[in-house]
Amino acid sequence: MAKKRKKRNPRKHVVTNRRVTANRQYKDTIFRMLFKDKKNLLSLYNAMNQRSYTDEDALEVVTLENAIYMGMKNDLAFIMDMNLYLYEHQSTYNPNIPLRDLFYIANEYQRLVVHKSLYSSTLQKIPAPKFVVFYNGSKELEDWSQLQLSSAYEHPVEDPDLELRVTVLNVNEGHNKELMEHCQTLKEYAQYVARVRKYTSSTELSLEEAVERAVDECMKEGILSEFLTKNRAEVISMSIFEYDKDEEEKKLRKAEYEAGVQAGMEAGMAAGMETKVKNQIKKKLAKGKDAETIAEELEEDTTVIQKLIDETEKE
């Protein structure tokens, strides 16, 4: 018989023997921690753009550390080849990324031209932006997809004056194999995430035990071994935080779905009742009764009944 899974503390998780606590205020991610290293970031850039640069200093990191939207920072922003790249990691599918990136790129451009006059006759040059999301959530996505700002417009526009496109790359293990082969760090990151996901789904391990097992196995097998050896306690802490965050978001989406279903049912019931009342009104009108008499018989306000009569006559 399988051993009963240990109960998890919903408030905090303390990594045993290391006294590292993952608290709700910690907003960094393992992805961001990995690719804040300019060597790893340059490798990812090269893989994304079929380049072979080796000079890390040619890459200018311009991430706005204080730019926060909904409690989360943008992961990585950098300038390379006179272009501005915004890289974001997501473990939850989010169709609002184009709008978030719009806010972020506006802040970036404002910072880049802060000492220049936008009212002069000289055209102020700015780096062209490129928006990418690296997705590794449990929702099935194709290797490559695209999100557009115009999808959020209440009234669809064929050729919108303002558009922003975000490339979404599925970086779960087994996806985008060519990209993975050209960026070993990204490949090993995907392997680590898959290992964590495997063990956290086990009913025999506590969350802490599952993450520690994944970390220890990856270190032994040479998967992000240097990174994990150097940052073992912090990585375990962040993995626990990320797992809990994903679980909370799943519960939130479930609650929103259930609330939507309930609202739909109530709206359907209301529509059904209105149809029933209109049918009663039609029968009473056919008998020559006026709005005031019908309102009295149905114990309803005359104004409401008159409105329903008007709607009935238009149908």
C-alpha atoms as a PDB file:
ATOM      1  CA  MET A   1       0.000   0.000   0.000  1.00  0.00           C
ATOM      2  CA  ALA A   2       1.308   3.439  -0.935  1.00  0.00           C
ATOM      3  CA  LYS A   3       2.483   5.559   1.952  1.00  0.00           C
ATOM      4  CA  LYS A   4       0.155   8.450   2.743  1.00  0.00           C
ATOM      5  CA  ARG A   5       1.444  11.755   1.450  1.00  0.00           C
ATOM      6  CA  LYS A   6       2.687  14.114   4.111  1.00  0.00           C
ATOM      7  CA  LYS A   7       0.517  17.131   4.804  1.00  0.00           C
ATOM      8  CA  ARG A   8       1.831  20.377   3.358  1.00  0.00           C
ATOM      9  CA  ASN A   9       1.883  23.636   5.188  1.00  0.00           C
ATOM     10  CA  PRO A  10      -0.064  26.122   3.006  1.00  0.00           C
ATOM     11  CA  ARG A  11       1.649  29.131   4.508  1.00  0.00           C
ATOM     12  CA  LYS A  12       5.354  28.397   4.214  1.00  0.00           C
ATOM     13  CA  HIS A  13       7.871  25.660   3.469  1.00  0.00           C
ATOM     14  CA  VAL A  14      11.149  25.382   5.308  1.00  0.00           C
ATOM     15  CA  VAL A  15      13.887  23.354   3.663  1.00  0.00           C
ATOM     16  CA  THR A  16      15.149  20.922   6.265  1.00  0.00           C
ATOM     17  CA  ASN A  17      18.737  21.249   7.517  1.00  0.00           C
ATOM     18  CA  ARG A  18      19.227  24.478   5.575  1.00  0.00           C
ATOM     19  CA  ARG A  19      16.757  26.779   7.277  1.00  0.00           C
ATOM     20  CA  VAL A  20      15.774  28.441   3.998  1.00  0.00           C
ATOM     21  CA  THR A  21      12.222  29.738   3.990  1.00  0.00           C
ATOM     22  CA  ALA A  22      10.244  30.505   0.842  1.00  0.00           C
ATOM     23  CA  ASN A  23       7.967  33.379   1.674  1.00  0.00           C
ATOM     24  CA  ARG A  24       5.211  34.964  -0.372  1.00  0.00           C
ATOM     25  CA  GLN A  25       7.154  38.164  -0.978  1.00  0.00           C
ATOM     26  CA  TYR A  26       9.890  36.434  -2.981  1.00  0.00           C
ATOM     27  CA  LYS A  27       9.145  37.111  -6.664  1.00  0.00           C
ATOM     28  CA  ASP A  28      12.218  35.889  -8.525  1.00  0.00           C
ATOM     29  CA  THR A  29      12.220  32.663 -10.566  1.00  0.00           C
ATOM     30  CA  ILE A  30      14.803  30.031 -11.384  1.00  0.00           C
ATOM     31  CA  PHE A  31      14.562  30.978 -15.065  1.00  0.00           C
ATOM     32  CA  ARG A  32      15.369  34.600 -14.272  1.00  0.00           C
ATOM     33  CA  MET A  33      18.145  33.599 -11.902  1.00  0.00           C
ATOM     34  CA  LEU A  34      19.724  31.378 -14.559  1.00  0.00           C
ATOM     35  CA  PHE A  35      19.593  33.877 -17.392  1.00  0.00           C
ATOM     36  CA  LYS A  36      20.605  36.933 -15.385  1.00  0.00           C
ATOM     37  CA  ASP A  37      24.036  35.397 -15.930  1.00  0.00           C
ATOM     38  CA  LYS A  38      25.205  37.186 -19.108  1.00  0.00           C
ATOM     39  CA  LYS A  39      26.996  34.073 -20.363  1.00  0.00           C
ATOM     40  CA  ASN A  40      23.746  32.086 -20.271  1.00  0.00           C
ATOM     41  CA  LEU A  41      21.745  34.991 -21.679  1.00  0.00           C
ATOM     42  CA  LEU A  42      24.137  35.397 -24.603  1.00  0.00           C
ATOM     43  CA  SER A  43      23.864  31.666 -25.300  1.00  0.00           C
ATOM     44  CA  LEU A  44      20.067  31.961 -25.357  1.00  0.00           C
ATOM     45  CA  TYR A  45      20.249  34.996 -27.650  1.00  0.00           C
ATOM     46  CA  ASN A  46      22.576  33.155 -30.036  1.00  0.00           C
ATOM     47  CA  ALA A  47      20.243  30.150 -30.140  1.00  0.00           C
ATOM     48  CA  MET A  48      17.210  32.349 -30.769  1.00  0.00           C
ATOM     49  CA  ASN A  49      18.852  34.381 -33.549  1.00  0.00           C
ATOM     50  CA  GLN A  50      21.292  31.923 -35.177  1.00  0.00           C
ATOM     51  CA  ARG A  51      24.293  33.925 -34.018  1.00  0.00           C
ATOM     52  CA  SER A  52      27.621  32.889 -32.527  1.00  0.00           C
ATOM     53  CA  TYR A  53      28.674  35.871 -30.430  1.00  0.00           C
ATOM     54  CA  THR A  54      31.188  35.276 -27.652  1.00  0.00           C
ATOM     55  CA  ASP A  55      31.617  38.773 -26.191  1.00  0.00           C
ATOM     56  CA  GLU A  56      29.249  39.003 -23.243  1.00  0.00           C
ATOM     57  CA  ASP A  57      29.922  42.732 -22.883  1.00  0.00           C
ATOM     58  CA  ALA A  58      28.265  43.342 -26.266  1.00  0.00           C
ATOM     59  CA  LEU A  59      24.999  42.479 -24.567  1.00  0.00           C
ATOM     60  CA  GLU A  60      23.600  45.390 -22.548  1.00  0.00           C
ATOM     61  CA  VAL A  61      21.132  44.339 -19.857  1.00  0.00           C
ATOM     62  CA  VAL A  62      18.475  47.020 -19.363  1.00  0.00           C
ATOM     63  CA  THR A  63      15.954  45.182 -17.180  1.00  0.00           C
ATOM     64  CA  LEU A  64      14.005  47.681 -15.072  1.00  0.00           C
ATOM     65  CA  GLU A  65      14.338  46.174 -11.617  1.00  0.00           C
ATOM     66  CA  ASN A  66      11.693  48.463 -10.150  1.00  0.00           C
ATOM     67  CA  ALA A  67       9.134  47.960 -12.944  1.00  0.00           C
ATOM     68  CA  ILE A  68       6.467  45.819 -11.324  1.00  0.00           C
ATOM     69  CA  TYR A  69       3.079  44.863 -12.742  1.00  0.00           C
ATOM     70  CA  MET A  70       0.640  42.842 -10.621  1.00  0.00           C
ATOM     71  CA  GLY A  71       3.463  42.066  -8.194  1.00  0.00           C
ATOM     72  CA  MET A  72       5.727  40.476 -10.817  1.00  0.00           C
ATOM     73  CA  LYS A  73       8.823  41.949 -12.457  1.00  0.00           C
ATOM     74  CA  ASN A  74       9.642  41.618 -16.114  1.00  0.00           C
ATOM     75  CA  ASP A  75      12.208  38.834 -16.313  1.00  0.00           C
ATOM     76  CA  LEU A  76      14.870  40.034 -18.741  1.00  0.00           C
ATOM     77  CA  ALA A  77      15.376  43.030 -21.003  1.00  0.00           C
ATOM     78  CA  PHE A  78      18.553  43.645 -22.995  1.00  0.00           C
ATOM     79  CA  ILE A  79      19.896  45.433 -26.052  1.00  0.00           C
ATOM     80  CA  MET A  80      21.844  43.520 -28.686  1.00  0.00           C
ATOM     81  CA  ASP A  81      22.528  44.364 -32.346  1.00  0.00           C
ATOM     82  CA  MET A  82      20.660  47.669 -31.826  1.00  0.00           C
ATOM     83  CA  ASN A  83      17.457  45.804 -30.918  1.00  0.00           C
ATOM     84  CA  LEU A  84      15.661  45.672 -27.582  1.00  0.00           C
ATOM     85  CA  TYR A  85      14.656  42.195 -26.427  1.00  0.00           C
ATOM     86  CA  LEU A  86      12.099  41.516 -23.715  1.00  0.00           C
ATOM     87  CA  TYR A  87      12.204  37.914 -22.495  1.00  0.00           C
ATOM     88  CA  GLU A  88       9.576  36.640 -20.094  1.00  0.00           C
ATOM     89  CA  HIS A  89       9.191  33.234 -18.456  1.00  0.00           C
ATOM     90  CA  GLN A  90       5.690  31.923 -17.696  1.00  0.00           C
ATOM     91  CA  SER A  91       4.475  28.713 -16.105  1.00  0.00           C
ATOM     92  CA  THR A  92       0.853  29.789 -16.539  1.00  0.00           C
ATOM     93  CA  TYR A  93      -0.718  30.669 -19.887  1.00  0.00           C
ATOM     94  CA  ASN A  94      -1.568  34.375 -19.910  1.00  0.00           C
ATOM     95  CA  PRO A  95      -3.210  36.083 -22.927  1.00  0.00           C
ATOM     96  CA  ASN A  96      -2.610  39.531 -21.374  1.00  0.00           C
ATOM     97  CA  ILE A  97       1.149  39.505 -21.949  1.00  0.00           C
ATOM     98  CA  PRO A  98       0.941  41.900 -24.959  1.00  0.00           C
ATOM     99  CA  LEU A  99      -0.740  44.546 -22.788  1.00  0.00           C
ATOM    100  CA  ARG A 100       1.791  44.021 -20.002  1.00  0.00           C
ATOM    101  CA  ASP A 101       4.654  44.302 -22.492  1.00  0.00           C
ATOM    102  CA  LEU A 102       3.140  47.499 -23.850  1.00  0.00           C
ATOM    103  CA  PHE A 103       3.365  49.082 -20.395  1.00  0.00           C
ATOM    104  CA  TYR A 104       6.887  47.783 -19.959  1.00  0.00           C
ATOM    105  CA  ILE A 105       8.265  48.889 -23.325  1.00  0.00           C
ATOM    106  CA  ALA A 106       6.813  52.357 -22.769  1.00  0.00           C
ATOM    107  CA  ASN A 107       8.807  52.576 -19.526  1.00  0.00           C
ATOM    108  CA  GLU A 108      11.937  51.314 -21.281  1.00  0.00           C
ATOM    109  CA  TYR A 109      11.677  53.871 -24.094  1.00  0.00           C
ATOM    110  CA  GLN A 110      10.949  56.665 -21.650  1.00  0.00           C
ATOM    111  CA  ARG A 111      14.140  55.802 -19.790  1.00  0.00           C
ATOM    112  CA  LEU A 112      16.191  55.558 -22.993  1.00  0.00           C
ATOM    113  CA  VAL A 113      15.195  59.020 -24.252  1.00  0.00           C
ATOM    114  CA  VAL A 114      14.902  60.808 -20.926  1.00  0.00           C
ATOM    115  CA  HIS A 115      17.723  63.238 -21.810  1.00  0.00           C
ATOM    116  CA  LYS A 116      16.572  63.830 -25.383  1.00  0.00           C
ATOM    117  CA  SER A 117      14.009  66.267 -26.684  1.00  0.00           C
ATOM    118  CA  LEU A 118      11.015  64.700 -28.385  1.00  0.00           C
ATOM    119  CA  TYR A 119       9.965  68.144 -29.650  1.00  0.00           C
ATOM    120  CA  SER A 120      13.070  68.767 -31.744  1.00  0.00           C
ATOM    121  CA  SER A 121      13.169  68.433 -35.541  1.00  0.00           C
ATOM    122  CA  THR A 122      15.659  65.566 -35.189  1.00  0.00           C
ATOM    123  CA  LEU A 123      14.227  62.064 -35.269  1.00  0.00           C
ATOM    124  CA  GLN A 124      15.144  60.282 -32.034  1.00  0.00           C
ATOM    125  CA  LYS A 125      16.218  56.739 -32.841  1.00  0.00           C
ATOM    126  CA  ILE A 126      15.110  53.885 -30.579  1.00  0.00           C
ATOM    127  CA  PRO A 127      15.939  50.155 -30.665  1.00  0.00           C
ATOM    128  CA  ALA A 128      13.308  47.934 -32.288  1.00  0.00           C
ATOM    129  CA  PRO A 129      11.605  45.677 -29.716  1.00  0.00           C
ATOM    130  CA  LYS A 130      11.274  41.913 -29.765  1.00  0.00           C
ATOM    131  CA  PHE A 131       8.902  40.246 -27.291  1.00  0.00           C
ATOM    132  CA  VAL A 132       9.302  36.591 -26.338  1.00  0.00           C
ATOM    133  CA  VAL A 133       7.652  34.397 -23.714  1.00  0.00           C
ATOM    134  CA  PHE A 134       9.275  31.127 -22.683  1.00  0.00           C
ATOM    135  CA  TYR A 135       6.384  28.979 -21.506  1.00  0.00           C
ATOM    136  CA  ASN A 136       6.648  25.739 -19.508  1.00  0.00           C
ATOM    137  CA  GLY A 137       3.237  25.319 -17.904  1.00  0.00           C
ATOM    138  CA  SER A 138       1.077  22.187 -17.831  1.00  0.00           C
ATOM    139  CA  LYS A 139      -1.410  23.508 -20.411  1.00  0.00           C
ATOM    140  CA  GLU A 140      -0.618  22.009 -23.815  1.00  0.00           C
ATOM    141  CA  LEU A 141       0.720  24.574 -26.281  1.00  0.00           C
ATOM    142  CA  GLU A 142       2.352  24.245 -29.685  1.00  0.00           C
ATOM    143  CA  ASP A 143       6.108  24.765 -29.981  1.00  0.00           C
ATOM    144  CA  TRP A 144       5.490  28.248 -31.397  1.00  0.00           C
ATOM    145  CA  SER A 145       2.501  30.549 -31.127  1.00  0.00           C
ATOM    146  CA  GLN A 146       1.807  34.265 -31.103  1.00  0.00           C
ATOM    147  CA  LEU A 147      -0.229  36.647 -28.976  1.00  0.00           C
ATOM    148  CA  GLN A 148      -1.396  40.026 -30.303  1.00  0.00           C
ATOM    149  CA  LEU A 149      -2.432  43.164 -28.488  1.00  0.00           C
ATOM    150  CA  SER A 150      -5.261  43.700 -30.996  1.00  0.00           C
ATOM    151  CA  SER A 151      -6.943  40.520 -29.751  1.00  0.00           C
ATOM    152  CA  ALA A 152      -7.849  42.486 -26.630  1.00  0.00           C
ATOM    153  CA  TYR A 153      -9.659  45.255 -28.506  1.00  0.00           C
ATOM    154  CA  GLU A 154     -13.385  45.251 -27.755  1.00  0.00           C
ATOM    155  CA  HIS A 155     -14.120  45.982 -31.414  1.00  0.00           C
ATOM    156  CA  PRO A 156     -11.861  43.981 -33.780  1.00  0.00           C
ATOM    157  CA  VAL A 157      -9.788  46.126 -36.149  1.00  0.00           C
ATOM    158  CA  GLU A 158      -8.458  44.718 -39.408  1.00  0.00           C
ATOM    159  CA  ASP A 159      -5.383  46.945 -39.530  1.00  0.00           C
ATOM    160  CA  PRO A 160      -4.939  48.425 -36.022  1.00  0.00           C
ATOM    161  CA  ASP A 161      -2.938  51.607 -35.544  1.00  0.00           C
ATOM    162  CA  LEU A 162      -1.386  50.066 -32.449  1.00  0.00           C
ATOM    163  CA  GLU A 163      -0.224  46.452 -32.514  1.00  0.00           C
ATOM    164  CA  LEU A 164       2.197  44.453 -30.387  1.00  0.00           C
ATOM    165  CA  ARG A 165       3.072  40.835 -31.087  1.00  0.00           C
ATOM    166  CA  VAL A 166       4.541  38.406 -28.587  1.00  0.00           C
ATOM    167  CA  THR A 167       6.179  35.148 -29.632  1.00  0.00           C
ATOM    168  CA  VAL A 168       5.369  32.286 -27.257  1.00  0.00           C
ATOM    169  CA  LEU A 169       7.810  29.371 -27.198  1.00  0.00           C
ATOM    170  CA  ASN A 170       6.962  26.133 -25.406  1.00  0.00           C
ATOM    171  CA  VAL A 171      10.141  25.154 -23.530  1.00  0.00           C
ATOM    172  CA  ASN A 172       8.809  22.080 -21.799  1.00  0.00           C
ATOM    173  CA  GLU A 173      11.005  19.018 -22.256  1.00  0.00           C
ATOM    174  CA  GLY A 174      10.393  17.519 -25.700  1.00  0.00           C
ATOM    175  CA  HIS A 175       9.430  20.831 -27.347  1.00  0.00           C
ATOM    176  CA  ASN A 176      11.490  23.158 -29.567  1.00  0.00           C
ATOM    177  CA  LYS A 177      14.258  20.560 -29.802  1.00  0.00           C
ATOM    178  CA  GLU A 178      16.379  22.556 -32.250  1.00  0.00           C
ATOM    179  CA  LEU A 179      16.380  25.587 -29.943  1.00  0.00           C
ATOM    180  CA  MET A 180      17.264  23.356 -26.980  1.00  0.00           C
ATOM    181  CA  GLU A 181      20.182  21.806 -28.839  1.00  0.00           C
ATOM    182  CA  HIS A 182      21.632  25.253 -29.466  1.00  0.00           C
ATOM    183  CA  CYS A 183      21.213  26.433 -25.861  1.00  0.00           C
ATOM    184  CA  GLN A 184      22.360  23.796 -23.377  1.00  0.00           C
ATOM    185  CA  THR A 185      21.300  25.850 -20.357  1.00  0.00           C
ATOM    186  CA  LEU A 186      17.708  26.101 -21.612  1.00  0.00           C
ATOM    187  CA  LYS A 187      17.680  22.373 -22.370  1.00  0.00           C
ATOM    188  CA  GLU A 188      18.894  21.492 -18.887  1.00  0.00           C
ATOM    189  CA  TYR A 189      16.444  23.933 -17.334  1.00  0.00           C
ATOM    190  CA  ALA A 190      13.611  22.095 -19.120  1.00  0.00           C
ATOM    191  CA  GLN A 191      14.979  18.777 -17.829  1.00  0.00           C
ATOM    192  CA  TYR A 192      15.109  20.123 -14.285  1.00  0.00           C
ATOM    193  CA  VAL A 193      11.515  21.399 -14.457  1.00  0.00           C
ATOM    194  CA  ALA A 194      10.348  18.022 -15.807  1.00  0.00           C
ATOM    195  CA  ARG A 195      12.101  16.249 -12.918  1.00  0.00           C
ATOM    196  CA  VAL A 196      10.520  18.550 -10.331  1.00  0.00           C
ATOM    197  CA  ARG A 197       7.097  18.077 -11.932  1.00  0.00           C
ATOM    198  CA  LYS A 198       7.570  14.300 -11.882  1.00  0.00           C
ATOM    199  CA  TYR A 199       8.351  14.087  -8.198  1.00  0.00           C
ATOM    200  CA  THR A 200       5.890  16.719  -6.978  1.00  0.00           C
ATOM    201  CA  SER A 201       3.122  14.628  -8.560  1.00  0.00           C
ATOM    202  CA  SER A 202       4.117  11.696  -6.344  1.00  0.00           C
ATOM    203  CA  THR A 203       1.807  10.840  -3.446  1.00  0.00           C
ATOM    204  CA  GLU A 204       4.676   9.349  -1.448  1.00  0.00           C
ATOM    205  CA  LEU A 205       6.796  12.464  -1.066  1.00  0.00           C
ATOM    206  CA  SER A 206       6.225  15.756   0.676  1.00  0.00           C
ATOM    207  CA  LEU A 207       6.770  18.854  -1.444  1.00  0.00           C
ATOM    208  CA  GLU A 208      10.152  19.525   0.151  1.00  0.00           C
ATOM    209  CA  GLU A 209      11.274  15.924  -0.354  1.00  0.00           C
ATOM    210  CA  ALA A 210      10.122  15.952  -3.991  1.00  0.00           C
ATOM    211  CA  VAL A 211      12.061  19.114  -4.843  1.00  0.00           C
ATOM    212  CA  GLU A 212      15.178  17.990  -2.969  1.00  0.00           C
ATOM    213  CA  ARG A 213      15.111  14.646  -4.801  1.00  0.00           C
ATOM    214  CA  ALA A 214      14.845  16.407  -8.178  1.00  0.00           C
ATOM    215  CA  VAL A 215      17.731  18.745  -7.320  1.00  0.00           C
ATOM    216  CA  ASP A 216      19.980  15.956  -6.045  1.00  0.00           C
ATOM    217  CA  GLU A 217      19.322  13.746  -9.087  1.00  0.00           C
ATOM    218  CA  CYS A 218      20.028  16.585 -11.513  1.00  0.00           C
ATOM    219  CA  MET A 219      23.283  17.397  -9.734  1.00  0.00           C
ATOM    220  CA  LYS A 220      24.393  13.739  -9.980  1.00  0.00           C
ATOM    221  CA  GLU A 221      23.430  13.513 -13.659  1.00  0.00           C
ATOM    222  CA  GLY A 222      25.127  16.754 -14.694  1.00  0.00           C
ATOM    223  CA  ILE A 223      21.906  18.715 -15.266  1.00  0.00           C
ATOM    224  CA  LEU A 224      22.564  22.339 -14.233  1.00  0.00           C
ATOM    225  CA  SER A 225      25.055  20.775 -11.827  1.00  0.00           C
ATOM    226  CA  GLU A 226      27.279  23.843 -11.351  1.00  0.00           C
ATOM    227  CA  PHE A 227      24.285  26.151 -10.908  1.00  0.00           C
ATOM    228  CA  LEU A 228      22.521  23.776  -8.496  1.00  0.00           C
ATOM    229  CA  THR A 229      25.666  23.101  -6.481  1.00  0.00           C
ATOM    230  CA  LYS A 230      26.258  26.820  -6.022  1.00  0.00           C
ATOM    231  CA  ASN A 231      22.631  27.750  -5.352  1.00  0.00           C
ATOM    232  CA  ARG A 232      21.103  24.511  -3.988  1.00  0.00           C
ATOM    233  CA  ALA A 233      19.202  25.933  -1.007  1.00  0.00           C
ATOM    234  CA  GLU A 234      17.905  28.957  -2.915  1.00  0.00           C
ATOM    235  CA  VAL A 235      16.797  26.842  -5.876  1.00  0.00           C
ATOM    236  CA  ILE A 236      14.874  24.484  -3.571  1.00  0.00           C
ATOM    237  CA  SER A 237      13.230  27.468  -1.908  1.00  0.00           C
ATOM    238  CA  MET A 238      12.274  29.039  -5.250  1.00  0.00           C
ATOM    239  CA  SER A 239      10.978  25.742  -6.658  1.00  0.00           C
ATOM    240  CA  ILE A 240       8.682  25.359  -3.658  1.00  0.00           C
ATOM    241  CA  PHE A 241       7.454  28.917  -4.096  1.00  0.00           C
ATOM    242  CA  GLU A 242       6.840  28.449  -7.830  1.00  0.00           C
ATOM    243  CA  TYR A 243       4.957  25.190  -7.205  1.00  0.00           C
ATOM    244  CA  ASP A 244       2.696  26.833  -4.624  1.00  0.00           C
ATOM    245  CA  LYS A 245       2.118  29.839  -6.865  1.00  0.00           C
ATOM    246  CA  ASP A 246       1.030  27.582  -9.736  1.00  0.00           C
ATOM    247  CA  GLU A 247      -1.291  25.636  -7.438  1.00  0.00           C
ATOM    248  CA  GLU A 248      -2.891  28.840  -6.166  1.00  0.00           C
ATOM    249  CA  GLU A 249      -3.436  30.079  -9.722  1.00  0.00           C
ATOM    250  CA  LYS A 250      -5.054  26.763 -10.678  1.00  0.00           C
ATOM    251  CA  LYS A 251      -7.446  27.100  -7.737  1.00  0.00           C
ATOM    252  CA  LEU A 252      -8.206  30.705  -8.738  1.00  0.00           C
ATOM    253  CA  ARG A 253      -8.966  29.696 -12.342  1.00  0.00           C
ATOM    254  CA  LYS A 254     -11.180  26.841 -11.074  1.00  0.00           C
ATOM    255  CA  ALA A 255     -13.088  29.245  -8.809  1.00  0.00           C
ATOM    256  CA  GLU A 256     -13.495  31.755 -11.665  1.00  0.00           C
ATOM    257  CA  TYR A 257     -14.787  28.991 -13.944  1.00  0.00           C
ATOM    258  CA  GLU A 258     -17.285  27.782 -11.352  1.00  0.00           C
ATOM    259  CA  ALA A 259     -18.443  31.349 -10.731  1.00  0.00           C
ATOM    260  CA  GLY A 260     -18.922  31.814 -14.475  1.00  0.00           C
ATOM    261  CA  VAL A 261     -20.951  28.609 -14.739  1.00  0.00           C
ATOM    262  CA  GLN A 262     -23.148  29.692 -11.830  1.00  0.00           C
ATOM    263  CA  ALA A 263     -23.672  33.133 -13.357  1.00  0.00           C
ATOM    264  CA  GLY A 264     -24.601  31.502 -16.648  1.00  0.00           C
ATOM    265  CA  MET A 265     -27.111  29.239 -14.949  1.00  0.00           C
ATOM    266  CA  GLU A 266     -28.686  32.177 -13.126  1.00  0.00           C
ATOM    267  CA  ALA A 267     -28.853  34.187 -16.345  1.00  0.00           C
ATOM    268  CA  GLY A 268     -30.466  31.219 -18.073  1.00  0.00           C
ATOM    269  CA  MET A 269     -33.027  30.844 -15.314  1.00  0.00           C
ATOM    270  CA  ALA A 270     -33.807  34.564 -15.464  1.00  0.00           C
ATOM    271  CA  ALA A 271     -34.250  34.389 -19.235  1.00  0.00           C
ATOM    272  CA  GLY A 272     -36.523  31.376 -18.807  1.00  0.00           C
ATOM    273  CA  MET A 273     -38.675  33.182 -16.257  1.00  0.00           C
ATOM    274  CA  GLU A 274     -38.930  36.238 -18.525  1.00  0.00           C
ATOM    275  CA  THR A 275     -40.064  34.051 -21.427  1.00  0.00           C
ATOM    276  CA  LYS A 276     -42.684  32.438 -19.207  1.00  0.00           C
ATOM    277  CA  VAL A 277     -44.031  35.839 -18.094  1.00  0.00           C
ATOM    278  CA  LYS A 278     -44.129  37.083 -21.692  1.00  0.00           C
ATOM    279  CA  ASN A 279     -46.177  34.046 -22.699  1.00  0.00           C
ATOM    280  CA  GLN A 280     -48.626  34.803 -19.895  1.00  0.00           C
ATOM    281  CA  ILE A 281     -48.831  38.415 -21.025  1.00  0.00           C
ATOM    282  CA  LYS A 282     -49.577  37.357 -24.620  1.00  0.00           C
ATOM    283  CA  LYS A 283     -52.477  35.208 -23.465  1.00  0.00           C
ATOM    284  CA  LYS A 284     -53.900  37.998 -21.322  1.00  0.00           C
ATOM    285  CA  LEU A 285     -53.500  40.550 -24.122  1.00  0.00           C
ATOM    286  CA  ALA A 286     -55.364  38.197 -26.427  1.00  0.00           C
ATOM    287  CA  LYS A 287     -58.252  38.318 -23.960  1.00  0.00           C
ATOM    288  CA  GLY A 288     -58.325  42.118 -24.238  1.00  0.00           C
ATOM    289  CA  LYS A 289     -56.734  42.921 -20.878  1.00  0.00           C
ATOM    290  CA  ASP A 290     -54.680  46.112 -20.506  1.00  0.00           C
ATOM    291  CA  ALA A 291     -51.265  46.588 -18.861  1.00  0.00           C
ATOM    292  CA  GLU A 292     -52.676  47.743 -15.535  1.00  0.00           C
ATOM    293  CA  THR A 293     -54.967  44.705 -15.229  1.00  0.00           C
ATOM    294  CA  ILE A 294     -52.186  42.292 -16.215  1.00  0.00           C
ATOM    295  CA  ALA A 295     -49.819  43.899 -13.687  1.00  0.00           C
ATOM    296  CA  GLU A 296     -52.420  43.497 -10.949  1.00  0.00           C
ATOM    297  CA  GLU A 297     -53.046  39.824 -11.807  1.00  0.00           C
ATOM    298  CA  LEU A 298     -49.328  39.027 -11.980  1.00  0.00           C
ATOM    299  CA  GLU A 299     -48.585  41.114  -8.870  1.00  0.00           C
ATOM    300  CA  GLU A 300     -45.978  43.129 -10.746  1.00  0.00           C
ATOM    301  CA  ASP A 301     -45.249  46.827 -11.304  1.00  0.00           C
ATOM    302  CA  THR A 302     -47.206  48.296 -14.229  1.00  0.00           C
ATOM    303  CA  THR A 303     -44.056  49.902 -15.694  1.00  0.00           C
ATOM    304  CA  VAL A 304     -42.317  46.505 -15.834  1.00  0.00           C
ATOM    305  CA  ILE A 305     -45.339  44.865 -17.459  1.00  0.00           C
ATOM    306  CA  GLN A 306     -45.634  47.664 -20.023  1.00  0.00           C
ATOM    307  CA  LYS A 307     -41.946  47.216 -20.922  1.00  0.00           C
ATOM    308  CA  LEU A 308     -42.499  43.482 -21.442  1.00  0.00           C
ATOM    309  CA  ILE A 309     -45.590  44.198 -23.541  1.00  0.00           C
ATOM    310  CA  ASP A 310     -43.541  46.545 -25.740  1.00  0.00           C
ATOM    311  CA  GLU A 311     -40.840  43.906 -26.161  1.00  0.00           C
ATOM    312  CA  THR A 312     -43.459  41.247 -26.918  1.00  0.00           C
ATOM    313  CA  GLU A 313     -45.037  43.371 -29.643  1.00  0.00           C
ATOM    314  CA  LYS A 314     -41.613  43.843 -31.306  1.00  0.00           C
ATOM    315  CA  GLU A 315     -40.891  40.108 -31.411  1.00  0.00           C
END
